[in-house]
Amino acid sequence: MEKIKGPVNENIRLFTALVHYPVYNKKGAVINTSFTNLDLHDIARASATFGVEKYFVVQPIHAQHELIHTLINHWIKGFGARYNPDRKTALTRLNLVDSVEEVKLQIKEEYGSLPLVISTAAKAYAQNIGYEELKDVMERQEGNYLILFGTGWGLEESLIENSDYVLRPIYGPGVYNHLSVRSAASIVLDRLRGE
C-alpha cells in the first residue's frame, strides 16, 4: 500500500524536549528525574514519525549523560544500528543538553531564530491554547516551535510561566488524568501533525 503524504509547511520547524529538570515530584518539590530507556526510544520514534526536526533530552546530571550516550551509541553505531535501522533513524534526532535555555540557544544558532515555546501540563491553565488554535497560529506565524514535555509530576512553574503557549491538557472521558510522558508526547504530536 502506498503511503499518502499530506502537505507539510517547510517553514514551520517543530522541536521536542523531554525535561528532567526542573520538574516536580509528587510532594511538589523541584527535582531532577532520571531518564528512562522507554522515554528515550518512544519519544524519538514519535518525533521521527511526525516530522520533528530534533528531539532534545534535558538532563543536567553528567553521570546520566554517560549512560544515555552508551545507550544511544549502541543503536546508532553499534550492533543495534544493524539490527534495527528504523530505531537508528529515530535516535539520530536525539540531542542531549543541560537546560531548556541551551535547547533554545542551539535552535537559534542552527535555525536562525529562537523558538516559540509550548509547554504541556496535565492541569488546566488560564492561558491554555487548543490544538486547532495552535495549528492556526503556526500556519500564520511560521518559524521554530519547541514543545516541552515534563517528566516526574510535570514541568516546574517558571517553565510554564515563561512559555509562549501552554497546550490544553489531554482529557479522557473520566476523571483519571495521569498519562506517561511518552504517551502524552505521541498524542500531542498526532494532534498537531497527524493526518
N, C-alpha and C. Protein backbone atom coordinates (compact mmCIF):
# COMPACT_ATOMS: atom_id res chain seq x y z
N MET A 1 0.83 -1.17 0.00
CA MET A 1 0.00 0.00 0.00
C MET A 1 0.89 1.25 0.00
N GLU A 2 0.62 2.16 -0.88
CA GLU A 2 1.41 3.38 -0.98
C GLU A 2 0.99 4.37 0.10
N LYS A 3 2.00 4.97 0.74
CA LYS A 3 1.72 5.95 1.78
C LYS A 3 1.30 7.26 1.15
N ILE A 4 0.22 7.84 1.65
CA ILE A 4 -0.23 9.15 1.19
C ILE A 4 0.31 10.18 2.15
N LYS A 5 1.11 11.09 1.63
CA LYS A 5 1.73 12.10 2.46
C LYS A 5 0.98 13.41 2.33
N GLY A 6 0.60 13.97 3.48
CA GLY A 6 -0.11 15.25 3.49
C GLY A 6 0.85 16.40 3.28
N PRO A 7 0.32 17.59 2.98
CA PRO A 7 1.18 18.75 2.78
C PRO A 7 1.86 19.16 4.08
N VAL A 8 3.13 19.49 4.01
CA VAL A 8 3.89 19.94 5.17
C VAL A 8 4.45 21.32 4.86
N ASN A 9 4.21 22.26 5.73
CA ASN A 9 4.77 23.60 5.57
C ASN A 9 6.21 23.55 6.06
N GLU A 10 7.15 23.64 5.14
CA GLU A 10 8.57 23.52 5.49
C GLU A 10 9.08 24.73 6.24
N ASN A 11 8.29 25.79 6.35
CA ASN A 11 8.69 26.97 7.10
C ASN A 11 8.28 26.89 8.56
N ILE A 12 7.66 25.78 8.93
CA ILE A 12 7.33 25.53 10.34
C ILE A 12 8.24 24.39 10.80
N ARG A 13 9.12 24.69 11.75
CA ARG A 13 10.03 23.67 12.27
C ARG A 13 9.62 23.36 13.72
N LEU A 14 9.38 22.08 13.97
CA LEU A 14 8.92 21.65 15.28
C LEU A 14 10.04 20.89 15.99
N PHE A 15 10.21 21.17 17.27
CA PHE A 15 11.22 20.53 18.11
C PHE A 15 10.53 20.01 19.37
N THR A 16 11.04 18.91 19.92
CA THR A 16 10.52 18.40 21.19
C THR A 16 11.65 18.38 22.21
N ALA A 17 11.27 18.56 23.48
CA ALA A 17 12.25 18.46 24.57
C ALA A 17 11.63 17.71 25.73
N LEU A 18 12.30 16.67 26.16
CA LEU A 18 11.91 15.91 27.34
C LEU A 18 12.71 16.47 28.51
N VAL A 19 12.01 17.11 29.46
CA VAL A 19 12.67 17.85 30.53
C VAL A 19 12.74 17.00 31.81
N HIS A 20 13.97 16.75 32.27
CA HIS A 20 14.19 16.04 33.53
C HIS A 20 14.45 17.00 34.69
N TYR A 21 14.77 18.25 34.36
CA TYR A 21 14.96 19.28 35.38
C TYR A 21 14.73 20.64 34.74
N PRO A 22 14.00 21.52 35.40
CA PRO A 22 13.32 21.38 36.69
C PRO A 22 11.90 20.84 36.53
N VAL A 23 11.60 19.80 37.30
CA VAL A 23 10.26 19.21 37.34
C VAL A 23 9.89 18.95 38.80
N TYR A 24 8.63 18.59 39.02
CA TYR A 24 8.16 18.33 40.39
C TYR A 24 8.10 16.84 40.69
N ASN A 25 8.22 16.52 41.99
CA ASN A 25 7.87 15.18 42.44
C ASN A 25 6.45 15.21 42.99
N LYS A 26 5.95 14.10 43.46
CA LYS A 26 4.54 14.03 43.88
C LYS A 26 4.23 14.88 45.10
N LYS A 27 5.27 15.30 45.84
CA LYS A 27 5.07 16.16 47.01
C LYS A 27 5.19 17.65 46.65
N GLY A 28 5.48 17.94 45.39
CA GLY A 28 5.58 19.33 44.95
C GLY A 28 6.95 19.94 45.07
N ALA A 29 7.96 19.13 45.39
CA ALA A 29 9.34 19.62 45.46
C ALA A 29 9.95 19.60 44.06
N VAL A 30 10.82 20.57 43.77
CA VAL A 30 11.52 20.60 42.48
C VAL A 30 12.67 19.61 42.53
N ILE A 31 12.70 18.73 41.53
CA ILE A 31 13.70 17.66 41.50
C ILE A 31 14.28 17.51 40.09
N ASN A 32 15.25 16.63 40.00
CA ASN A 32 15.81 16.16 38.72
C ASN A 32 15.48 14.69 38.62
N THR A 33 14.75 14.28 37.59
CA THR A 33 14.42 12.87 37.43
C THR A 33 15.50 12.16 36.61
N SER A 34 15.52 10.85 36.71
CA SER A 34 16.41 10.02 35.90
C SER A 34 15.73 9.72 34.57
N PHE A 35 16.54 9.51 33.55
CA PHE A 35 15.98 9.13 32.25
C PHE A 35 15.46 7.71 32.31
N THR A 36 14.54 7.39 31.42
CA THR A 36 14.12 6.00 31.25
C THR A 36 14.35 5.61 29.80
N ASN A 37 14.74 4.38 29.62
CA ASN A 37 15.01 3.84 28.28
C ASN A 37 13.79 4.00 27.37
N LEU A 38 12.60 3.69 27.88
CA LEU A 38 11.39 3.77 27.06
C LEU A 38 11.11 5.19 26.58
N ASP A 39 11.28 6.18 27.47
CA ASP A 39 11.06 7.57 27.06
C ASP A 39 12.00 7.98 25.95
N LEU A 40 13.28 7.62 26.08
CA LEU A 40 14.25 7.99 25.04
C LEU A 40 13.82 7.44 23.69
N HIS A 41 13.54 6.15 23.66
CA HIS A 41 13.21 5.48 22.41
C HIS A 41 11.86 5.91 21.86
N ASP A 42 10.84 5.88 22.70
CA ASP A 42 9.48 6.10 22.19
C ASP A 42 9.23 7.54 21.74
N ILE A 43 9.78 8.50 22.47
CA ILE A 43 9.59 9.90 22.04
C ILE A 43 10.44 10.18 20.80
N ALA A 44 11.59 9.55 20.67
CA ALA A 44 12.39 9.68 19.44
C ALA A 44 11.61 9.13 18.25
N ARG A 45 10.95 7.99 18.44
CA ARG A 45 10.18 7.38 17.35
C ARG A 45 8.97 8.24 16.98
N ALA A 46 8.28 8.77 17.99
CA ALA A 46 7.14 9.66 17.71
C ALA A 46 7.63 10.94 17.02
N SER A 47 8.74 11.47 17.47
CA SER A 47 9.29 12.69 16.86
C SER A 47 9.64 12.45 15.39
N ALA A 48 10.24 11.31 15.10
CA ALA A 48 10.59 11.00 13.71
C ALA A 48 9.33 10.79 12.87
N THR A 49 8.33 10.12 13.43
CA THR A 49 7.08 9.86 12.70
C THR A 49 6.37 11.14 12.31
N PHE A 50 6.39 12.13 13.21
CA PHE A 50 5.63 13.35 12.98
C PHE A 50 6.48 14.53 12.51
N GLY A 51 7.67 14.26 11.97
CA GLY A 51 8.45 15.29 11.30
C GLY A 51 9.09 16.32 12.21
N VAL A 52 9.42 15.92 13.43
CA VAL A 52 10.12 16.82 14.34
C VAL A 52 11.58 16.93 13.89
N GLU A 53 12.10 18.17 13.88
CA GLU A 53 13.49 18.38 13.44
C GLU A 53 14.48 17.73 14.39
N LYS A 54 14.33 18.03 15.69
CA LYS A 54 15.24 17.48 16.69
C LYS A 54 14.47 17.20 17.97
N TYR A 55 14.92 16.17 18.66
CA TYR A 55 14.36 15.77 19.95
C TYR A 55 15.45 15.98 20.99
N PHE A 56 15.22 16.90 21.93
CA PHE A 56 16.20 17.22 22.95
C PHE A 56 15.84 16.51 24.26
N VAL A 57 16.85 16.00 24.92
CA VAL A 57 16.68 15.44 26.26
C VAL A 57 17.42 16.37 27.21
N VAL A 58 16.67 17.03 28.11
CA VAL A 58 17.24 17.98 29.05
C VAL A 58 17.56 17.24 30.34
N GLN A 59 18.86 17.04 30.56
CA GLN A 59 19.32 16.27 31.73
C GLN A 59 20.66 16.87 32.18
N PRO A 60 20.67 17.64 33.27
CA PRO A 60 21.91 18.29 33.69
C PRO A 60 22.90 17.39 34.43
N ILE A 61 22.52 16.19 34.82
CA ILE A 61 23.44 15.32 35.57
C ILE A 61 24.31 14.55 34.58
N HIS A 62 25.61 14.81 34.64
CA HIS A 62 26.50 14.26 33.62
C HIS A 62 26.73 12.76 33.76
N ALA A 63 26.53 12.19 34.93
CA ALA A 63 26.58 10.73 35.06
C ALA A 63 25.47 10.10 34.23
N GLN A 64 24.32 10.77 34.16
CA GLN A 64 23.22 10.29 33.31
C GLN A 64 23.59 10.43 31.83
N HIS A 65 24.33 11.50 31.49
CA HIS A 65 24.78 11.68 30.09
C HIS A 65 25.56 10.46 29.62
N GLU A 66 26.46 9.98 30.48
CA GLU A 66 27.30 8.83 30.08
C GLU A 66 26.43 7.61 29.77
N LEU A 67 25.45 7.34 30.62
CA LEU A 67 24.56 6.21 30.38
C LEU A 67 23.76 6.39 29.09
N ILE A 68 23.24 7.60 28.90
CA ILE A 68 22.45 7.87 27.69
C ILE A 68 23.30 7.72 26.45
N HIS A 69 24.51 8.26 26.48
CA HIS A 69 25.40 8.14 25.31
C HIS A 69 25.72 6.67 25.00
N THR A 70 25.94 5.88 26.04
CA THR A 70 26.21 4.45 25.83
C THR A 70 25.03 3.78 25.14
N LEU A 71 23.85 4.07 25.63
CA LEU A 71 22.63 3.50 25.05
C LEU A 71 22.43 3.94 23.61
N ILE A 72 22.55 5.24 23.37
CA ILE A 72 22.32 5.79 22.03
C ILE A 72 23.36 5.25 21.05
N ASN A 73 24.62 5.20 21.49
CA ASN A 73 25.67 4.71 20.60
C ASN A 73 25.43 3.26 20.17
N HIS A 74 24.84 2.46 21.07
CA HIS A 74 24.52 1.08 20.70
C HIS A 74 23.56 1.06 19.51
N TRP A 75 22.57 1.97 19.50
CA TRP A 75 21.54 1.97 18.45
C TRP A 75 21.95 2.76 17.22
N ILE A 76 22.93 3.65 17.35
CA ILE A 76 23.33 4.46 16.20
C ILE A 76 24.60 3.93 15.54
N LYS A 77 25.53 3.42 16.36
CA LYS A 77 26.82 2.98 15.81
C LYS A 77 27.10 1.50 16.03
N GLY A 78 26.51 0.91 17.06
CA GLY A 78 26.81 -0.47 17.42
C GLY A 78 25.92 -1.49 16.72
N PHE A 79 25.81 -2.65 17.36
CA PHE A 79 25.01 -3.74 16.79
C PHE A 79 23.57 -3.31 16.55
N GLY A 80 23.03 -2.48 17.42
CA GLY A 80 21.64 -2.05 17.28
C GLY A 80 21.37 -1.33 15.97
N ALA A 81 22.38 -0.64 15.43
CA ALA A 81 22.20 0.09 14.16
C ALA A 81 21.94 -0.87 13.01
N ARG A 82 22.57 -2.03 13.05
CA ARG A 82 22.36 -3.04 12.01
C ARG A 82 21.10 -3.86 12.29
N TYR A 83 20.86 -4.11 13.57
CA TYR A 83 19.72 -4.92 13.97
C TYR A 83 18.39 -4.22 13.72
N ASN A 84 18.34 -2.90 13.97
CA ASN A 84 17.10 -2.15 13.84
C ASN A 84 17.37 -0.75 13.25
N PRO A 85 17.51 -0.68 11.92
CA PRO A 85 17.82 0.61 11.28
C PRO A 85 16.75 1.69 11.52
N ASP A 86 15.49 1.28 11.71
CA ASP A 86 14.44 2.26 11.99
C ASP A 86 14.70 2.95 13.33
N ARG A 87 15.13 2.19 14.31
CA ARG A 87 15.45 2.78 15.61
C ARG A 87 16.63 3.74 15.49
N LYS A 88 17.60 3.37 14.67
CA LYS A 88 18.75 4.25 14.43
C LYS A 88 18.27 5.57 13.83
N THR A 89 17.41 5.50 12.83
CA THR A 89 16.90 6.71 12.19
C THR A 89 16.24 7.63 13.21
N ALA A 90 15.43 7.06 14.08
CA ALA A 90 14.72 7.88 15.08
C ALA A 90 15.70 8.49 16.08
N LEU A 91 16.64 7.70 16.56
CA LEU A 91 17.53 8.18 17.62
C LEU A 91 18.59 9.16 17.13
N THR A 92 18.81 9.25 15.83
CA THR A 92 19.77 10.25 15.34
C THR A 92 19.24 11.67 15.54
N ARG A 93 17.95 11.82 15.83
CA ARG A 93 17.37 13.16 16.10
C ARG A 93 17.60 13.60 17.53
N LEU A 94 18.05 12.69 18.40
CA LEU A 94 18.17 12.98 19.82
C LEU A 94 19.42 13.80 20.11
N ASN A 95 19.24 14.87 20.89
CA ASN A 95 20.34 15.73 21.33
C ASN A 95 20.26 15.86 22.85
N LEU A 96 21.36 15.62 23.51
CA LEU A 96 21.42 15.66 24.97
C LEU A 96 21.96 17.02 25.41
N VAL A 97 21.21 17.72 26.27
CA VAL A 97 21.59 19.07 26.72
C VAL A 97 21.38 19.19 28.23
N ASP A 98 21.92 20.28 28.79
CA ASP A 98 21.84 20.51 30.23
C ASP A 98 20.61 21.29 30.67
N SER A 99 20.05 22.12 29.78
CA SER A 99 18.96 23.00 30.22
C SER A 99 18.05 23.36 29.04
N VAL A 100 16.86 23.85 29.38
CA VAL A 100 15.94 24.33 28.35
C VAL A 100 16.54 25.54 27.64
N GLU A 101 17.26 26.40 28.39
CA GLU A 101 17.91 27.56 27.77
C GLU A 101 18.90 27.11 26.69
N GLU A 102 19.63 26.05 26.96
CA GLU A 102 20.59 25.52 25.98
C GLU A 102 19.85 25.03 24.73
N VAL A 103 18.70 24.41 24.90
CA VAL A 103 17.89 23.97 23.76
C VAL A 103 17.56 25.18 22.89
N LYS A 104 17.04 26.24 23.51
CA LYS A 104 16.63 27.43 22.76
C LYS A 104 17.80 28.05 22.01
N LEU A 105 18.95 28.13 22.68
CA LEU A 105 20.13 28.72 22.03
C LEU A 105 20.63 27.86 20.87
N GLN A 106 20.59 26.54 21.02
CA GLN A 106 21.00 25.66 19.92
C GLN A 106 20.09 25.84 18.71
N ILE A 107 18.78 25.95 18.96
CA ILE A 107 17.84 26.15 17.85
C ILE A 107 18.11 27.49 17.17
N LYS A 108 18.33 28.53 17.96
CA LYS A 108 18.62 29.85 17.38
C LYS A 108 19.90 29.80 16.54
N GLU A 109 20.93 29.16 17.07
CA GLU A 109 22.21 29.10 16.37
C GLU A 109 22.09 28.34 15.05
N GLU A 110 21.36 27.23 15.04
CA GLU A 110 21.28 26.40 13.84
C GLU A 110 20.20 26.84 12.86
N TYR A 111 19.09 27.40 13.39
CA TYR A 111 17.94 27.69 12.53
C TYR A 111 17.60 29.17 12.42
N GLY A 112 18.42 30.04 13.04
CA GLY A 112 18.31 31.47 12.80
C GLY A 112 17.43 32.28 13.72
N SER A 113 16.60 31.63 14.53
CA SER A 113 15.76 32.39 15.46
C SER A 113 15.38 31.52 16.65
N LEU A 114 15.11 32.20 17.77
CA LEU A 114 14.66 31.48 18.95
C LEU A 114 13.31 30.84 18.67
N PRO A 115 13.03 29.71 19.29
CA PRO A 115 11.72 29.08 19.09
C PRO A 115 10.67 29.72 19.97
N LEU A 116 9.43 29.65 19.54
CA LEU A 116 8.31 29.91 20.43
C LEU A 116 8.14 28.64 21.26
N VAL A 117 7.96 28.81 22.57
CA VAL A 117 7.96 27.67 23.48
C VAL A 117 6.53 27.31 23.86
N ILE A 118 6.24 26.02 23.75
CA ILE A 118 4.92 25.47 24.06
C ILE A 118 5.10 24.48 25.21
N SER A 119 4.51 24.78 26.35
CA SER A 119 4.55 23.86 27.49
C SER A 119 3.36 22.91 27.44
N THR A 120 3.54 21.75 28.05
CA THR A 120 2.45 20.80 28.21
C THR A 120 2.26 20.56 29.71
N ALA A 121 1.02 20.30 30.09
CA ALA A 121 0.72 20.06 31.51
C ALA A 121 -0.55 19.23 31.61
N ALA A 122 -0.68 18.50 32.70
CA ALA A 122 -1.87 17.67 32.92
C ALA A 122 -3.00 18.47 33.57
N LYS A 123 -2.71 19.69 34.01
CA LYS A 123 -3.77 20.52 34.59
C LYS A 123 -4.00 21.75 33.71
N ALA A 124 -5.17 22.32 33.85
CA ALA A 124 -5.55 23.47 33.03
C ALA A 124 -4.94 24.75 33.57
N TYR A 125 -4.61 25.67 32.65
CA TYR A 125 -4.12 27.00 32.98
C TYR A 125 -4.99 28.01 32.26
N ALA A 126 -5.04 29.22 32.81
CA ALA A 126 -5.86 30.28 32.21
C ALA A 126 -5.43 30.55 30.78
N GLN A 127 -4.12 30.43 30.50
CA GLN A 127 -3.60 30.74 29.16
C GLN A 127 -3.55 29.52 28.23
N ASN A 128 -4.30 28.46 28.55
CA ASN A 128 -4.29 27.28 27.67
C ASN A 128 -4.72 27.62 26.25
N ILE A 129 -4.09 26.92 25.30
CA ILE A 129 -4.45 27.03 23.89
C ILE A 129 -4.83 25.65 23.40
N GLY A 130 -5.86 25.56 22.57
CA GLY A 130 -6.27 24.29 22.00
C GLY A 130 -5.39 23.90 20.83
N TYR A 131 -5.51 22.66 20.40
CA TYR A 131 -4.64 22.13 19.35
C TYR A 131 -4.94 22.77 17.99
N GLU A 132 -6.18 22.90 17.65
CA GLU A 132 -6.54 23.52 16.36
C GLU A 132 -6.11 24.99 16.33
N GLU A 133 -6.31 25.66 17.47
CA GLU A 133 -5.91 27.06 17.55
C GLU A 133 -4.39 27.20 17.40
N LEU A 134 -3.64 26.32 18.03
CA LEU A 134 -2.18 26.37 17.90
C LEU A 134 -1.75 26.06 16.48
N LYS A 135 -2.40 25.10 15.83
CA LYS A 135 -2.08 24.81 14.43
C LYS A 135 -2.30 26.05 13.56
N ASP A 136 -3.38 26.79 13.82
CA ASP A 136 -3.63 28.03 13.07
C ASP A 136 -2.54 29.06 13.32
N VAL A 137 -2.13 29.20 14.58
CA VAL A 137 -1.04 30.13 14.92
C VAL A 137 0.22 29.76 14.15
N MET A 138 0.55 28.47 14.14
CA MET A 138 1.76 28.01 13.47
C MET A 138 1.72 28.28 11.98
N GLU A 139 0.57 28.12 11.37
CA GLU A 139 0.44 28.39 9.93
C GLU A 139 0.58 29.88 9.63
N ARG A 140 0.04 30.71 10.51
CA ARG A 140 0.12 32.16 10.30
C ARG A 140 1.50 32.72 10.65
N GLN A 141 2.11 32.17 11.67
CA GLN A 141 3.38 32.69 12.18
C GLN A 141 4.42 31.58 12.05
N GLU A 142 4.94 31.42 10.87
CA GLU A 142 5.90 30.34 10.61
C GLU A 142 7.17 30.55 11.43
N GLY A 143 7.95 29.51 11.57
CA GLY A 143 9.19 29.61 12.33
C GLY A 143 9.45 28.37 13.16
N ASN A 144 10.13 28.56 14.28
CA ASN A 144 10.56 27.47 15.14
C ASN A 144 9.64 27.35 16.34
N TYR A 145 9.21 26.12 16.64
CA TYR A 145 8.33 25.84 17.77
C TYR A 145 8.91 24.70 18.59
N LEU A 146 9.04 24.93 19.89
CA LEU A 146 9.62 23.95 20.81
C LEU A 146 8.55 23.50 21.79
N ILE A 147 8.26 22.19 21.82
CA ILE A 147 7.29 21.64 22.76
C ILE A 147 8.04 21.00 23.93
N LEU A 148 7.72 21.46 25.16
CA LEU A 148 8.33 20.92 26.37
C LEU A 148 7.42 19.88 27.00
N PHE A 149 7.99 18.71 27.28
CA PHE A 149 7.29 17.64 27.97
C PHE A 149 8.00 17.40 29.30
N GLY A 150 7.26 17.43 30.40
CA GLY A 150 7.86 17.25 31.70
C GLY A 150 7.81 15.81 32.17
N THR A 151 8.86 15.39 32.85
CA THR A 151 8.89 14.09 33.50
C THR A 151 8.40 14.27 34.93
N GLY A 152 8.48 13.23 35.75
CA GLY A 152 8.04 13.34 37.13
C GLY A 152 6.57 13.72 37.20
N TRP A 153 6.28 14.78 37.98
CA TRP A 153 4.91 15.26 38.13
C TRP A 153 4.73 16.58 37.39
N GLY A 154 5.52 16.77 36.34
CA GLY A 154 5.29 17.91 35.45
C GLY A 154 6.32 19.01 35.55
N LEU A 155 6.28 19.88 34.55
CA LEU A 155 7.22 20.99 34.43
C LEU A 155 7.10 21.95 35.62
N GLU A 156 8.23 22.45 36.07
CA GLU A 156 8.27 23.45 37.13
C GLU A 156 7.58 24.72 36.62
N GLU A 157 6.92 25.41 37.51
CA GLU A 157 6.04 26.53 37.17
C GLU A 157 6.71 27.62 36.34
N SER A 158 7.98 27.93 36.59
CA SER A 158 8.65 29.00 35.85
C SER A 158 8.77 28.66 34.37
N LEU A 159 8.92 27.38 34.04
CA LEU A 159 8.98 27.00 32.63
C LEU A 159 7.64 27.27 31.96
N ILE A 160 6.56 26.98 32.65
CA ILE A 160 5.23 27.22 32.10
C ILE A 160 4.96 28.72 31.98
N GLU A 161 5.30 29.46 33.03
CA GLU A 161 5.07 30.91 33.02
C GLU A 161 5.84 31.62 31.91
N ASN A 162 7.03 31.11 31.59
CA ASN A 162 7.87 31.73 30.56
C ASN A 162 7.64 31.18 29.16
N SER A 163 6.63 30.33 29.02
CA SER A 163 6.29 29.78 27.70
C SER A 163 5.44 30.77 26.92
N ASP A 164 5.49 30.64 25.62
CA ASP A 164 4.62 31.46 24.76
C ASP A 164 3.21 30.89 24.74
N TYR A 165 3.10 29.57 24.86
CA TYR A 165 1.80 28.90 24.85
C TYR A 165 1.83 27.74 25.83
N VAL A 166 0.66 27.41 26.38
CA VAL A 166 0.50 26.22 27.22
C VAL A 166 -0.63 25.41 26.60
N LEU A 167 -0.31 24.21 26.14
CA LEU A 167 -1.32 23.39 25.48
C LEU A 167 -2.38 22.92 26.46
N ARG A 168 -3.60 22.85 25.97
CA ARG A 168 -4.71 22.32 26.77
C ARG A 168 -4.37 20.88 27.16
N PRO A 169 -4.68 20.49 28.40
CA PRO A 169 -4.40 19.11 28.83
C PRO A 169 -5.12 18.08 27.95
N ILE A 170 -4.61 16.88 27.97
CA ILE A 170 -5.24 15.76 27.26
C ILE A 170 -6.23 15.13 28.24
N TYR A 171 -7.49 15.13 27.86
CA TYR A 171 -8.53 14.57 28.73
C TYR A 171 -9.15 13.33 28.10
N GLY A 172 -9.45 12.36 28.93
CA GLY A 172 -10.26 11.23 28.52
C GLY A 172 -11.68 11.46 29.01
N PRO A 173 -12.54 10.44 28.94
CA PRO A 173 -13.93 10.62 29.35
C PRO A 173 -14.14 10.65 30.86
N GLY A 174 -13.15 10.17 31.63
CA GLY A 174 -13.31 10.10 33.09
C GLY A 174 -12.45 11.11 33.81
N VAL A 175 -12.28 10.92 35.12
CA VAL A 175 -11.51 11.87 35.93
C VAL A 175 -10.02 11.52 35.97
N TYR A 176 -9.67 10.27 35.67
CA TYR A 176 -8.26 9.87 35.70
C TYR A 176 -7.49 10.63 34.63
N ASN A 177 -6.35 11.22 35.01
CA ASN A 177 -5.58 12.04 34.07
C ASN A 177 -4.10 11.97 34.43
N HIS A 178 -3.47 10.84 34.18
CA HIS A 178 -2.05 10.70 34.52
C HIS A 178 -1.36 9.82 33.48
N LEU A 179 -1.21 10.35 32.28
CA LEU A 179 -0.55 9.63 31.19
C LEU A 179 0.96 9.57 31.41
N SER A 180 1.59 8.55 30.87
CA SER A 180 3.06 8.56 30.79
C SER A 180 3.45 9.67 29.83
N VAL A 181 4.64 10.21 30.01
CA VAL A 181 5.08 11.32 29.15
C VAL A 181 5.21 10.86 27.70
N ARG A 182 5.61 9.61 27.48
CA ARG A 182 5.74 9.13 26.10
C ARG A 182 4.38 8.99 25.43
N SER A 183 3.36 8.60 26.18
CA SER A 183 2.01 8.55 25.61
C SER A 183 1.52 9.96 25.29
N ALA A 184 1.71 10.88 26.23
CA ALA A 184 1.28 12.27 26.02
C ALA A 184 1.99 12.87 24.81
N ALA A 185 3.28 12.61 24.67
CA ALA A 185 4.03 13.16 23.52
C ALA A 185 3.46 12.66 22.21
N SER A 186 3.14 11.38 22.13
CA SER A 186 2.57 10.82 20.90
C SER A 186 1.22 11.45 20.57
N ILE A 187 0.38 11.63 21.59
CA ILE A 187 -0.93 12.22 21.35
C ILE A 187 -0.80 13.67 20.90
N VAL A 188 0.05 14.44 21.58
CA VAL A 188 0.25 15.85 21.22
C VAL A 188 0.75 15.97 19.79
N LEU A 189 1.76 15.18 19.44
CA LEU A 189 2.33 15.27 18.08
C LEU A 189 1.32 14.85 17.03
N ASP A 190 0.51 13.83 17.33
CA ASP A 190 -0.51 13.43 16.38
C ASP A 190 -1.53 14.54 16.19
N ARG A 191 -1.94 15.18 17.27
CA ARG A 191 -2.94 16.25 17.15
C ARG A 191 -2.40 17.45 16.38
N LEU A 192 -1.10 17.72 16.48
CA LEU A 192 -0.53 18.87 15.80
C LEU A 192 -0.04 18.54 14.38
N ARG A 193 0.35 17.29 14.15
CA ARG A 193 0.97 16.93 12.87
C ARG A 193 0.36 15.75 12.16
N GLY A 194 -0.63 15.09 12.78
CA GLY A 194 -1.21 13.90 12.16
C GLY A 194 -2.09 14.25 10.97
N GLU A 195 -2.48 13.22 10.24
CA GLU A 195 -3.33 13.42 9.05
C GLU A 195 -4.70 13.92 9.48
